[in-house]
Amino acid sequence: MRLSTLLLGVGCLVANSFTYAGDTCDSATTQAELTECSAQAYQAADDKLNETYQELVGQLNSNADALEKLRTAQRAWIGFRDAECAFESSAVEGGSAQPMIQNVCLETLTEARTNQLREHASCEEGDLSCSR
């Protein structure tokens, strides 16, 4: 989610990003509550990413070269994700909304990476981009 979108309406942000974080997040109104909910949403996305990554690692155990390339790519992606979210939240750096903006960015990029890893894990035979 883009910073400009977040600044347009916290109500949309709560409805779109935090609905699965529980009843507390459905009624979050303070910045502290919104920040906590965004942290929970990011943690849930990160847990799914780690699960998906481990599934792909398991599939690549017999292909040491591909496994090492996956690990290299994942380390590079983590660096990119962290730098991108630091940049995206820099407009409000030092403000009370900064951690929330950063968490939403982390969640969004993590979900995208999870989907990318799922595609790698479920590629069909004959797919030339499949590394399994």
C-alpha atoms as a PDB file:
ATOM      1  CA  MET A   1       0.000   0.000   0.000  1.00  0.00           C
ATOM      2  CA  ARG A   2       1.360   3.396  -0.946  1.00  0.00           C
ATOM      3  CA  LEU A   3       1.990   6.091   1.627  1.00  0.00           C
ATOM      4  CA  SER A   4      -0.373   8.469  -0.154  1.00  0.00           C
ATOM      5  CA  THR A   5      -3.152   5.880   0.098  1.00  0.00           C
ATOM      6  CA  LEU A   6      -2.526   5.494   3.813  1.00  0.00           C
ATOM      7  CA  LEU A   7      -2.695   9.196   4.419  1.00  0.00           C
ATOM      8  CA  LEU A   8      -6.037   9.489   2.615  1.00  0.00           C
ATOM      9  CA  GLY A   9      -7.942   7.638   5.265  1.00  0.00           C
ATOM     10  CA  VAL A  10      -7.081   5.619   8.309  1.00  0.00           C
ATOM     11  CA  GLY A  11     -10.575   4.114   8.160  1.00  0.00           C
ATOM     12  CA  CYS A  12      -9.776   2.429   4.840  1.00  0.00           C
ATOM     13  CA  LEU A  13      -6.465   1.277   6.201  1.00  0.00           C
ATOM     14  CA  VAL A  14      -8.118  -0.365   9.177  1.00  0.00           C
ATOM     15  CA  ALA A  15     -10.774  -1.992   7.041  1.00  0.00           C
ATOM     16  CA  ASN A  16      -8.359  -3.276   4.403  1.00  0.00           C
ATOM     17  CA  SER A  17      -5.240  -4.270   6.277  1.00  0.00           C
ATOM     18  CA  PHE A  18      -6.209  -5.241   9.787  1.00  0.00           C
ATOM     19  CA  THR A  19      -9.523  -7.036   9.555  1.00  0.00           C
ATOM     20  CA  TYR A  20      -8.036 -10.460  10.191  1.00  0.00           C
ATOM     21  CA  ALA A  21      -6.094  -9.358  13.254  1.00  0.00           C
ATOM     22  CA  GLY A  22      -9.075  -9.824  15.548  1.00  0.00           C
ATOM     23  CA  ASP A  23     -11.859  -7.937  17.244  1.00  0.00           C
ATOM     24  CA  THR A  24      -9.451  -5.503  18.888  1.00  0.00           C
ATOM     25  CA  CYS A  25      -8.197  -4.369  15.513  1.00  0.00           C
ATOM     26  CA  ASP A  26     -11.693  -4.018  14.111  1.00  0.00           C
ATOM     27  CA  SER A  27     -12.311  -1.271  16.647  1.00  0.00           C
ATOM     28  CA  ALA A  28      -8.806   0.242  16.811  1.00  0.00           C
ATOM     29  CA  THR A  29      -8.924   4.024  16.932  1.00  0.00           C
ATOM     30  CA  THR A  30      -5.760   5.247  18.638  1.00  0.00           C
ATOM     31  CA  GLN A  31      -2.394   5.410  16.932  1.00  0.00           C
ATOM     32  CA  ALA A  32      -0.999   2.925  19.445  1.00  0.00           C
ATOM     33  CA  GLU A  33      -3.785   0.443  18.642  1.00  0.00           C
ATOM     34  CA  LEU A  34      -3.368   0.939  14.894  1.00  0.00           C
ATOM     35  CA  THR A  35       0.380   0.434  15.202  1.00  0.00           C
ATOM     36  CA  GLU A  36      -0.105  -2.755  17.223  1.00  0.00           C
ATOM     37  CA  CYS A  37      -2.615  -4.063  14.699  1.00  0.00           C
ATOM     38  CA  SER A  38      -0.263  -3.309  11.823  1.00  0.00           C
ATOM     39  CA  ALA A  39       2.499  -5.170  13.668  1.00  0.00           C
ATOM     40  CA  GLN A  40       0.191  -8.177  14.133  1.00  0.00           C
ATOM     41  CA  ALA A  41      -0.766  -8.124  10.452  1.00  0.00           C
ATOM     42  CA  TYR A  42       2.883  -7.981   9.397  1.00  0.00           C
ATOM     43  CA  GLN A  43       3.782 -10.828  11.789  1.00  0.00           C
ATOM     44  CA  ALA A  44       1.009 -12.992  10.337  1.00  0.00           C
ATOM     45  CA  ALA A  45       2.260 -12.280   6.810  1.00  0.00           C
ATOM     46  CA  ASP A  46       5.831 -13.058   7.866  1.00  0.00           C
ATOM     47  CA  ASP A  47       4.745 -16.365   9.407  1.00  0.00           C
ATOM     48  CA  LYS A  48       3.083 -17.348   6.108  1.00  0.00           C
ATOM     49  CA  LEU A  49       6.198 -16.311   4.204  1.00  0.00           C
ATOM     50  CA  ASN A  50       8.424 -18.453   6.400  1.00  0.00           C
ATOM     51  CA  GLU A  51       6.110 -21.448   6.009  1.00  0.00           C
ATOM     52  CA  THR A  52       6.043 -21.066   2.223  1.00  0.00           C
ATOM     53  CA  TYR A  53       9.810 -20.568   2.074  1.00  0.00           C
ATOM     54  CA  GLN A  54      10.404 -23.744   4.092  1.00  0.00           C
ATOM     55  CA  GLU A  55       8.105 -25.705   1.776  1.00  0.00           C
ATOM     56  CA  LEU A  56      10.117 -24.535  -1.225  1.00  0.00           C
ATOM     57  CA  VAL A  57      13.407 -25.329   0.532  1.00  0.00           C
ATOM     58  CA  GLY A  58      12.091 -28.845   1.120  1.00  0.00           C
ATOM     59  CA  GLN A  59      11.349 -29.217  -2.567  1.00  0.00           C
ATOM     60  CA  LEU A  60      14.835 -28.037  -3.503  1.00  0.00           C
ATOM     61  CA  ASN A  61      16.777 -30.234  -1.056  1.00  0.00           C
ATOM     62  CA  SER A  62      18.002 -32.449  -3.891  1.00  0.00           C
ATOM     63  CA  ASN A  63      19.126 -29.465  -5.995  1.00  0.00           C
ATOM     64  CA  ALA A  64      21.936 -27.778  -4.048  1.00  0.00           C
ATOM     65  CA  ASP A  65      22.615 -25.160  -6.723  1.00  0.00           C
ATOM     66  CA  ALA A  66      18.986 -24.026  -6.920  1.00  0.00           C
ATOM     67  CA  LEU A  67      18.707 -24.060  -3.127  1.00  0.00           C
ATOM     68  CA  GLU A  68      21.725 -21.772  -2.763  1.00  0.00           C
ATOM     69  CA  LYS A  69      20.307 -19.417  -5.399  1.00  0.00           C
ATOM     70  CA  LEU A  70      16.998 -19.312  -3.516  1.00  0.00           C
ATOM     71  CA  ARG A  71      18.808 -18.466  -0.285  1.00  0.00           C
ATOM     72  CA  THR A  72      20.802 -15.735  -2.018  1.00  0.00           C
ATOM     73  CA  ALA A  73      17.633 -14.319  -3.563  1.00  0.00           C
ATOM     74  CA  GLN A  74      15.803 -14.399  -0.233  1.00  0.00           C
ATOM     75  CA  ARG A  75      18.601 -12.574   1.582  1.00  0.00           C
ATOM     76  CA  ALA A  76      18.668  -9.938  -1.166  1.00  0.00           C
ATOM     77  CA  TRP A  77      14.882  -9.625  -1.068  1.00  0.00           C
ATOM     78  CA  ILE A  78      14.915  -9.073   2.716  1.00  0.00           C
ATOM     79  CA  GLY A  79      17.443  -6.267   2.255  1.00  0.00           C
ATOM     80  CA  PHE A  80      15.304  -4.726  -0.486  1.00  0.00           C
ATOM     81  CA  ARG A  81      12.094  -5.050   1.565  1.00  0.00           C
ATOM     82  CA  ASP A  82      13.600  -3.392   4.607  1.00  0.00           C
ATOM     83  CA  ALA A  83      15.178  -0.568   2.583  1.00  0.00           C
ATOM     84  CA  GLU A  84      12.000   0.021   0.554  1.00  0.00           C
ATOM     85  CA  CYS A  85       9.834   0.211   3.666  1.00  0.00           C
ATOM     86  CA  ALA A  86      12.292   2.533   5.404  1.00  0.00           C
ATOM     87  CA  PHE A  87      12.096   4.779   2.355  1.00  0.00           C
ATOM     88  CA  GLU A  88       8.309   4.530   2.063  1.00  0.00           C
ATOM     89  CA  SER A  89       7.831   5.502   5.700  1.00  0.00           C
ATOM     90  CA  SER A  90      10.456   8.258   5.640  1.00  0.00           C
ATOM     91  CA  ALA A  91       7.876  10.966   4.905  1.00  0.00           C
ATOM     92  CA  VAL A  92       6.554  10.534   8.443  1.00  0.00           C
ATOM     93  CA  GLU A  93       9.860   9.591  10.080  1.00  0.00           C
ATOM     94  CA  GLY A  94       9.904  10.469  13.740  1.00  0.00           C
ATOM     95  CA  GLY A  95       6.124  10.739  13.857  1.00  0.00           C
ATOM     96  CA  SER A  96       3.753   8.453  15.677  1.00  0.00           C
ATOM     97  CA  ALA A  97       2.388   6.997  12.410  1.00  0.00           C
ATOM     98  CA  GLN A  98       5.817   5.967  11.090  1.00  0.00           C
ATOM     99  CA  PRO A  99       5.863   2.464  12.628  1.00  0.00           C
ATOM    100  CA  MET A 100       2.373   1.774  11.288  1.00  0.00           C
ATOM    101  CA  ILE A 101       3.275   2.961   7.785  1.00  0.00           C
ATOM    102  CA  GLN A 102       6.402   0.814   7.860  1.00  0.00           C
ATOM    103  CA  ASN A 103       4.476  -2.239   9.125  1.00  0.00           C
ATOM    104  CA  VAL A 104       1.885  -1.917   6.359  1.00  0.00           C
ATOM    105  CA  CYS A 105       4.657  -1.717   3.771  1.00  0.00           C
ATOM    106  CA  LEU A 106       6.379  -4.761   5.282  1.00  0.00           C
ATOM    107  CA  GLU A 107       3.103  -6.678   5.237  1.00  0.00           C
ATOM    108  CA  THR A 108       2.347  -5.756   1.620  1.00  0.00           C
ATOM    109  CA  LEU A 109       5.783  -6.676   0.289  1.00  0.00           C
ATOM    110  CA  THR A 110       5.876  -9.855   2.384  1.00  0.00           C
ATOM    111  CA  GLU A 111       2.536 -11.010   1.004  1.00  0.00           C
ATOM    112  CA  ALA A 112       3.774 -10.351  -2.533  1.00  0.00           C
ATOM    113  CA  ARG A 113       6.940 -12.364  -1.882  1.00  0.00           C
ATOM    114  CA  THR A 114       4.896 -15.211  -0.383  1.00  0.00           C
ATOM    115  CA  ASN A 115       2.833 -15.347  -3.566  1.00  0.00           C
ATOM    116  CA  GLN A 116       6.007 -15.374  -5.648  1.00  0.00           C
ATOM    117  CA  LEU A 117       7.449 -18.262  -3.627  1.00  0.00           C
ATOM    118  CA  ARG A 118       4.144 -20.161  -3.936  1.00  0.00           C
ATOM    119  CA  GLU A 119       4.409 -19.842  -7.704  1.00  0.00           C
ATOM    120  CA  HIS A 120       7.922 -21.293  -7.576  1.00  0.00           C
ATOM    121  CA  ALA A 121       6.711 -24.149  -5.403  1.00  0.00           C
ATOM    122  CA  SER A 122       3.791 -25.037  -7.639  1.00  0.00           C
ATOM    123  CA  CYS A 123       5.237 -24.639 -11.114  1.00  0.00           C
ATOM    124  CA  GLU A 124       4.163 -27.289 -13.557  1.00  0.00           C
ATOM    125  CA  GLU A 125       6.470 -29.698 -15.320  1.00  0.00           C
ATOM    126  CA  GLY A 126       7.704 -28.208 -18.551  1.00  0.00           C
ATOM    127  CA  ASP A 127       7.751 -24.672 -17.158  1.00  0.00           C
ATOM    128  CA  LEU A 128      11.203 -23.447 -18.197  1.00  0.00           C
ATOM    129  CA  SER A 129      11.308 -20.930 -15.331  1.00  0.00           C
ATOM    130  CA  CYS A 130      10.833 -23.723 -12.786  1.00  0.00           C
ATOM    131  CA  SER A 131      13.970 -24.400 -10.748  1.00  0.00           C
ATOM    132  CA  ARG A 132      12.823 -27.693  -9.243  1.00  0.00           C
END
